[in-house]
Amino acid sequence: MYHGGLPSWDIVGLPDTSVRESKERIKAAIKNTGIKIESRRIVINLSPADTKKEGSIYDLPMAIGILISNEYLKEVNLSNAVIVGELSLDGKINKINRSISNGT
């Protein structure tokens, strides 16, 4: 994620409509938990760029990335973690109803 420039959000890496809509779920969820995120330019890169990303399972990892980059979460080691989850507008984490595959 990159901060600087005019306030905006971009998600790159072949996101489908539901992934692009996650911006609104994430903004509402973070706001409704009482956390104030500074208005900045946010670019979220979903790798690999040539694989289409579908569904709301990316909500939670993107929100965590934003919270880490804004220093609301500190000293978090996610090097061996897999995080998936849909966010509700009130900030709760919703169950996902699909299997997760690593593509192999």
C-alpha atoms as a PDB file:
ATOM      1  CA  MET A   1       0.000   0.000   0.000  1.00  0.00           C
ATOM      2  CA  TYR A   2       1.182   3.466  -0.834  1.00  0.00           C
ATOM      3  CA  HIS A   3       0.278   6.605   1.050  1.00  0.00           C
ATOM      4  CA  GLY A   4       0.613  10.111  -0.366  1.00  0.00           C
ATOM      5  CA  GLY A   5      -1.175  12.157  -2.979  1.00  0.00           C
ATOM      6  CA  LEU A   6      -4.856  13.015  -3.241  1.00  0.00           C
ATOM      7  CA  PRO A   7      -7.386  10.973  -1.231  1.00  0.00           C
ATOM      8  CA  SER A   8      -8.500   7.953  -3.234  1.00  0.00           C
ATOM      9  CA  TRP A   9      -8.597   4.160  -3.200  1.00  0.00           C
ATOM     10  CA  ASP A  10      -7.476   1.856  -5.974  1.00  0.00           C
ATOM     11  CA  ILE A  11      -7.425  -1.925  -6.054  1.00  0.00           C
ATOM     12  CA  VAL A  12      -5.249  -3.438  -8.769  1.00  0.00           C
ATOM     13  CA  GLY A  13      -4.599  -7.053  -9.770  1.00  0.00           C
ATOM     14  CA  LEU A  14      -7.721  -8.135 -11.710  1.00  0.00           C
ATOM     15  CA  PRO A  15     -10.386  -7.544  -9.037  1.00  0.00           C
ATOM     16  CA  ASP A  16     -13.969  -8.430  -9.975  1.00  0.00           C
ATOM     17  CA  THR A  17     -16.929  -6.217  -9.075  1.00  0.00           C
ATOM     18  CA  SER A  18     -17.343  -7.642  -5.569  1.00  0.00           C
ATOM     19  CA  VAL A  19     -13.648  -7.038  -4.816  1.00  0.00           C
ATOM     20  CA  ARG A  20     -13.887  -3.454  -6.100  1.00  0.00           C
ATOM     21  CA  GLU A  21     -16.987  -2.958  -3.918  1.00  0.00           C
ATOM     22  CA  SER A  22     -14.977  -4.045  -0.887  1.00  0.00           C
ATOM     23  CA  LYS A  23     -13.640  -0.488  -0.666  1.00  0.00           C
ATOM     24  CA  GLU A  24     -17.040   0.645   0.600  1.00  0.00           C
ATOM     25  CA  ARG A  25     -17.391  -2.283   3.036  1.00  0.00           C
ATOM     26  CA  ILE A  26     -13.904  -1.652   4.408  1.00  0.00           C
ATOM     27  CA  LYS A  27     -14.413   2.115   4.788  1.00  0.00           C
ATOM     28  CA  ALA A  28     -17.736   1.608   6.591  1.00  0.00           C
ATOM     29  CA  ALA A  29     -16.438  -1.234   8.780  1.00  0.00           C
ATOM     30  CA  ILE A  30     -13.379   0.720   9.920  1.00  0.00           C
ATOM     31  CA  LYS A  31     -15.393   3.905  10.495  1.00  0.00           C
ATOM     32  CA  ASN A  32     -18.071   2.037  12.457  1.00  0.00           C
ATOM     33  CA  THR A  33     -15.471   0.559  14.812  1.00  0.00           C
ATOM     34  CA  GLY A  34     -14.485   4.099  15.799  1.00  0.00           C
ATOM     35  CA  ILE A  35     -11.112   4.121  14.035  1.00  0.00           C
ATOM     36  CA  LYS A  36     -10.327   7.218  12.007  1.00  0.00           C
ATOM     37  CA  ILE A  37      -8.178   6.625   8.932  1.00  0.00           C
ATOM     38  CA  GLU A  38      -6.405   9.659   7.552  1.00  0.00           C
ATOM     39  CA  SER A  39      -7.601  10.661   4.089  1.00  0.00           C
ATOM     40  CA  ARG A  40      -4.773   9.588   1.759  1.00  0.00           C
ATOM     41  CA  ARG A  41      -4.175   7.771  -1.467  1.00  0.00           C
ATOM     42  CA  ILE A  42      -4.414   4.009  -0.930  1.00  0.00           C
ATOM     43  CA  VAL A  43      -3.357   1.488  -3.563  1.00  0.00           C
ATOM     44  CA  ILE A  44      -3.961  -2.182  -2.813  1.00  0.00           C
ATOM     45  CA  ASN A  45      -2.093  -4.631  -5.041  1.00  0.00           C
ATOM     46  CA  LEU A  46      -3.591  -8.112  -5.211  1.00  0.00           C
ATOM     47  CA  SER A  47      -0.945 -10.464  -6.575  1.00  0.00           C
ATOM     48  CA  PRO A  48      -0.487 -12.265  -8.867  1.00  0.00           C
ATOM     49  CA  ALA A  49      -1.690  -9.647 -11.329  1.00  0.00           C
ATOM     50  CA  ASP A  50      -2.711 -12.154 -14.005  1.00  0.00           C
ATOM     51  CA  THR A  51      -5.160 -14.111 -11.787  1.00  0.00           C
ATOM     52  CA  LYS A  52      -8.719 -12.803 -11.423  1.00  0.00           C
ATOM     53  CA  LYS A  53      -9.769 -12.140  -7.816  1.00  0.00           C
ATOM     54  CA  GLU A  54     -13.419 -12.832  -6.977  1.00  0.00           C
ATOM     55  CA  GLY A  55     -15.631 -12.441  -3.949  1.00  0.00           C
ATOM     56  CA  SER A  56     -15.638 -10.697  -0.628  1.00  0.00           C
ATOM     57  CA  ILE A  57     -12.972 -12.911   0.985  1.00  0.00           C
ATOM     58  CA  TYR A  58     -10.402 -10.156   0.400  1.00  0.00           C
ATOM     59  CA  ASP A  59     -12.215  -7.631   2.671  1.00  0.00           C
ATOM     60  CA  LEU A  60     -10.528  -8.624   5.923  1.00  0.00           C
ATOM     61  CA  PRO A  61      -6.934  -8.917   4.631  1.00  0.00           C
ATOM     62  CA  MET A  62      -7.223  -5.555   2.866  1.00  0.00           C
ATOM     63  CA  ALA A  63      -8.643  -3.937   6.020  1.00  0.00           C
ATOM     64  CA  ILE A  64      -5.828  -5.410   8.115  1.00  0.00           C
ATOM     65  CA  GLY A  65      -3.279  -4.066   5.623  1.00  0.00           C
ATOM     66  CA  ILE A  66      -4.808  -0.603   5.892  1.00  0.00           C
ATOM     67  CA  LEU A  67      -4.802  -0.766   9.695  1.00  0.00           C
ATOM     68  CA  ILE A  68      -1.159  -1.881   9.729  1.00  0.00           C
ATOM     69  CA  SER A  69      -0.095   0.831   7.281  1.00  0.00           C
ATOM     70  CA  ASN A  70      -1.873   3.439   9.438  1.00  0.00           C
ATOM     71  CA  GLU A  71      -0.150   2.023  12.547  1.00  0.00           C
ATOM     72  CA  TYR A  72      -3.339   0.905  14.317  1.00  0.00           C
ATOM     73  CA  LEU A  73      -1.897  -2.610  14.390  1.00  0.00           C
ATOM     74  CA  LYS A  74       1.766  -2.757  15.334  1.00  0.00           C
ATOM     75  CA  GLU A  75       4.302  -5.540  15.519  1.00  0.00           C
ATOM     76  CA  VAL A  76       2.039  -8.044  13.802  1.00  0.00           C
ATOM     77  CA  ASN A  77       3.814 -10.988  12.191  1.00  0.00           C
ATOM     78  CA  LEU A  78       1.626 -12.363   9.415  1.00  0.00           C
ATOM     79  CA  SER A  79       4.368 -14.173   7.503  1.00  0.00           C
ATOM     80  CA  ASN A  80       2.751 -17.602   8.071  1.00  0.00           C
ATOM     81  CA  ALA A  81      -0.876 -16.485   8.190  1.00  0.00           C
ATOM     82  CA  VAL A  82      -3.787 -16.912   5.818  1.00  0.00           C
ATOM     83  CA  ILE A  83      -6.494 -14.332   6.407  1.00  0.00           C
ATOM     84  CA  VAL A  84      -9.850 -14.330   4.621  1.00  0.00           C
ATOM     85  CA  GLY A  85     -13.171 -12.854   5.580  1.00  0.00           C
ATOM     86  CA  GLU A  86     -15.986 -10.612   4.535  1.00  0.00           C
ATOM     87  CA  LEU A  87     -16.665  -7.478   6.530  1.00  0.00           C
ATOM     88  CA  SER A  88     -20.128  -6.252   7.386  1.00  0.00           C
ATOM     89  CA  LEU A  89     -20.771  -2.520   7.339  1.00  0.00           C
ATOM     90  CA  ASP A  90     -20.783  -2.429  11.151  1.00  0.00           C
ATOM     91  CA  GLY A  91     -17.279  -3.919  11.329  1.00  0.00           C
ATOM     92  CA  LYS A  92     -18.156  -7.512  12.154  1.00  0.00           C
ATOM     93  CA  ILE A  93     -16.460 -10.347  10.292  1.00  0.00           C
ATOM     94  CA  ASN A  94     -18.872 -12.500   8.317  1.00  0.00           C
ATOM     95  CA  LYS A  95     -18.420 -16.184   7.611  1.00  0.00           C
ATOM     96  CA  ILE A  96     -17.426 -16.993   4.049  1.00  0.00           C
ATOM     97  CA  ASN A  97     -19.257 -19.749   2.200  1.00  0.00           C
ATOM     98  CA  ARG A  98     -16.676 -21.055  -0.227  1.00  0.00           C
ATOM     99  CA  SER A  99     -13.554 -23.148  -0.234  1.00  0.00           C
ATOM    100  CA  ILE A 100     -10.151 -21.520  -0.466  1.00  0.00           C
ATOM    101  CA  SER A 101      -7.555 -22.919  -2.836  1.00  0.00           C
ATOM    102  CA  ASN A 102      -3.935 -21.984  -3.345  1.00  0.00           C
ATOM    103  CA  GLY A 103      -4.236 -22.684  -7.064  1.00  0.00           C
ATOM    104  CA  THR A 104      -2.168 -25.880  -7.097  1.00  0.00           C
END
